[in-house]
Amino acid sequence: MIHTRVKSYKYRVGKNHYLVLQIFQSAVAHTRQGNALASNAVNVKIAKKTTRR
């Protein structure tokens, strides 16, 4: 993978809160002989913060 850039935006519509993630990736693979695989797979994990009262 050559480059990864992540932008996140938070929106609120009424009582609902939305989190939007934009993930920009570029992958390049070169080979002289054999097989090459360039993958743009992404693992995203979103956890909600626990609030204390």
C-alpha atoms as a PDB file:
ATOM      1  CA  MET A   1       0.000   0.000   0.000  1.00  0.00           C
ATOM      2  CA  ILE A   2       1.400   3.355  -0.991  1.00  0.00           C
ATOM      3  CA  HIS A   3      -0.941   5.881   0.617  1.00  0.00           C
ATOM      4  CA  THR A   4      -3.892   5.959   3.024  1.00  0.00           C
ATOM      5  CA  ARG A   5      -5.892   9.012   4.045  1.00  0.00           C
ATOM      6  CA  VAL A   6      -8.918   8.986   6.343  1.00  0.00           C
ATOM      7  CA  LYS A   7     -11.438  11.783   6.800  1.00  0.00           C
ATOM      8  CA  SER A   8     -14.167  11.606   9.417  1.00  0.00           C
ATOM      9  CA  TYR A   9     -17.265  13.742   9.716  1.00  0.00           C
ATOM     10  CA  LYS A  10     -19.855  13.859  12.499  1.00  0.00           C
ATOM     11  CA  TYR A  11     -23.422  14.825  11.715  1.00  0.00           C
ATOM     12  CA  ARG A  12     -26.461  15.255  13.926  1.00  0.00           C
ATOM     13  CA  VAL A  13     -29.969  15.009  12.521  1.00  0.00           C
ATOM     14  CA  GLY A  14     -32.569  15.362  15.251  1.00  0.00           C
ATOM     15  CA  LYS A  15     -31.650  12.904  17.995  1.00  0.00           C
ATOM     16  CA  ASN A  16     -29.547  10.747  15.682  1.00  0.00           C
ATOM     17  CA  HIS A  17     -25.773  11.075  15.488  1.00  0.00           C
ATOM     18  CA  TYR A  18     -23.961   9.893  12.348  1.00  0.00           C
ATOM     19  CA  LEU A  19     -20.276   9.213  11.837  1.00  0.00           C
ATOM     20  CA  VAL A  20     -19.083   9.164   8.228  1.00  0.00           C
ATOM     21  CA  LEU A  21     -15.632   7.786   7.373  1.00  0.00           C
ATOM     22  CA  GLN A  22     -14.075   8.432   3.988  1.00  0.00           C
ATOM     23  CA  ILE A  23     -11.081   6.187   3.360  1.00  0.00           C
ATOM     24  CA  PHE A  24      -8.841   6.908   0.379  1.00  0.00           C
ATOM     25  CA  GLN A  25      -6.308   4.240  -0.533  1.00  0.00           C
ATOM     26  CA  SER A  26      -3.984   3.475  -3.374  1.00  0.00           C
ATOM     27  CA  ALA A  27      -2.178   0.167  -3.837  1.00  0.00           C
ATOM     28  CA  VAL A  28       0.443  -0.752  -6.435  1.00  0.00           C
ATOM     29  CA  ALA A  29       2.055  -4.114  -7.152  1.00  0.00           C
ATOM     30  CA  HIS A  30       4.821  -4.858  -9.642  1.00  0.00           C
ATOM     31  CA  THR A  31       6.572  -8.080 -10.555  1.00  0.00           C
ATOM     32  CA  ARG A  32       8.962  -9.264 -13.241  1.00  0.00           C
ATOM     33  CA  GLN A  33       7.943 -12.891 -12.977  1.00  0.00           C
ATOM     34  CA  GLY A  34       5.049 -14.586 -11.186  1.00  0.00           C
ATOM     35  CA  ASN A  35       1.915 -13.157  -9.618  1.00  0.00           C
ATOM     36  CA  ALA A  36       1.365  -9.878  -7.802  1.00  0.00           C
ATOM     37  CA  LEU A  37      -1.677  -8.853  -5.799  1.00  0.00           C
ATOM     38  CA  ALA A  38      -2.596  -5.266  -4.930  1.00  0.00           C
ATOM     39  CA  SER A  39      -5.340  -5.159  -2.343  1.00  0.00           C
ATOM     40  CA  ASN A  40      -7.457  -2.219  -1.185  1.00  0.00           C
ATOM     41  CA  ALA A  41      -8.977  -4.031   1.792  1.00  0.00           C
ATOM     42  CA  VAL A  42      -9.740  -2.001   4.912  1.00  0.00           C
ATOM     43  CA  ASN A  43     -10.559  -3.037   8.466  1.00  0.00           C
ATOM     44  CA  VAL A  44     -12.598  -0.444  10.367  1.00  0.00           C
ATOM     45  CA  LYS A  45     -13.551  -0.796  14.006  1.00  0.00           C
ATOM     46  CA  ILE A  46     -15.859   1.757  15.626  1.00  0.00           C
ATOM     47  CA  ALA A  47     -16.373   1.618  19.374  1.00  0.00           C
ATOM     48  CA  LYS A  48     -18.776   3.767  21.340  1.00  0.00           C
ATOM     49  CA  LYS A  49     -17.309   5.586  24.315  1.00  0.00           C
ATOM     50  CA  THR A  50     -18.771   4.669  27.664  1.00  0.00           C
ATOM     51  CA  THR A  51     -20.203   7.635  29.517  1.00  0.00           C
ATOM     52  CA  ARG A  52     -19.951   7.967  33.260  1.00  0.00           C
ATOM     53  CA  ARG A  53     -22.711   9.448  35.344  1.00  0.00           C
END
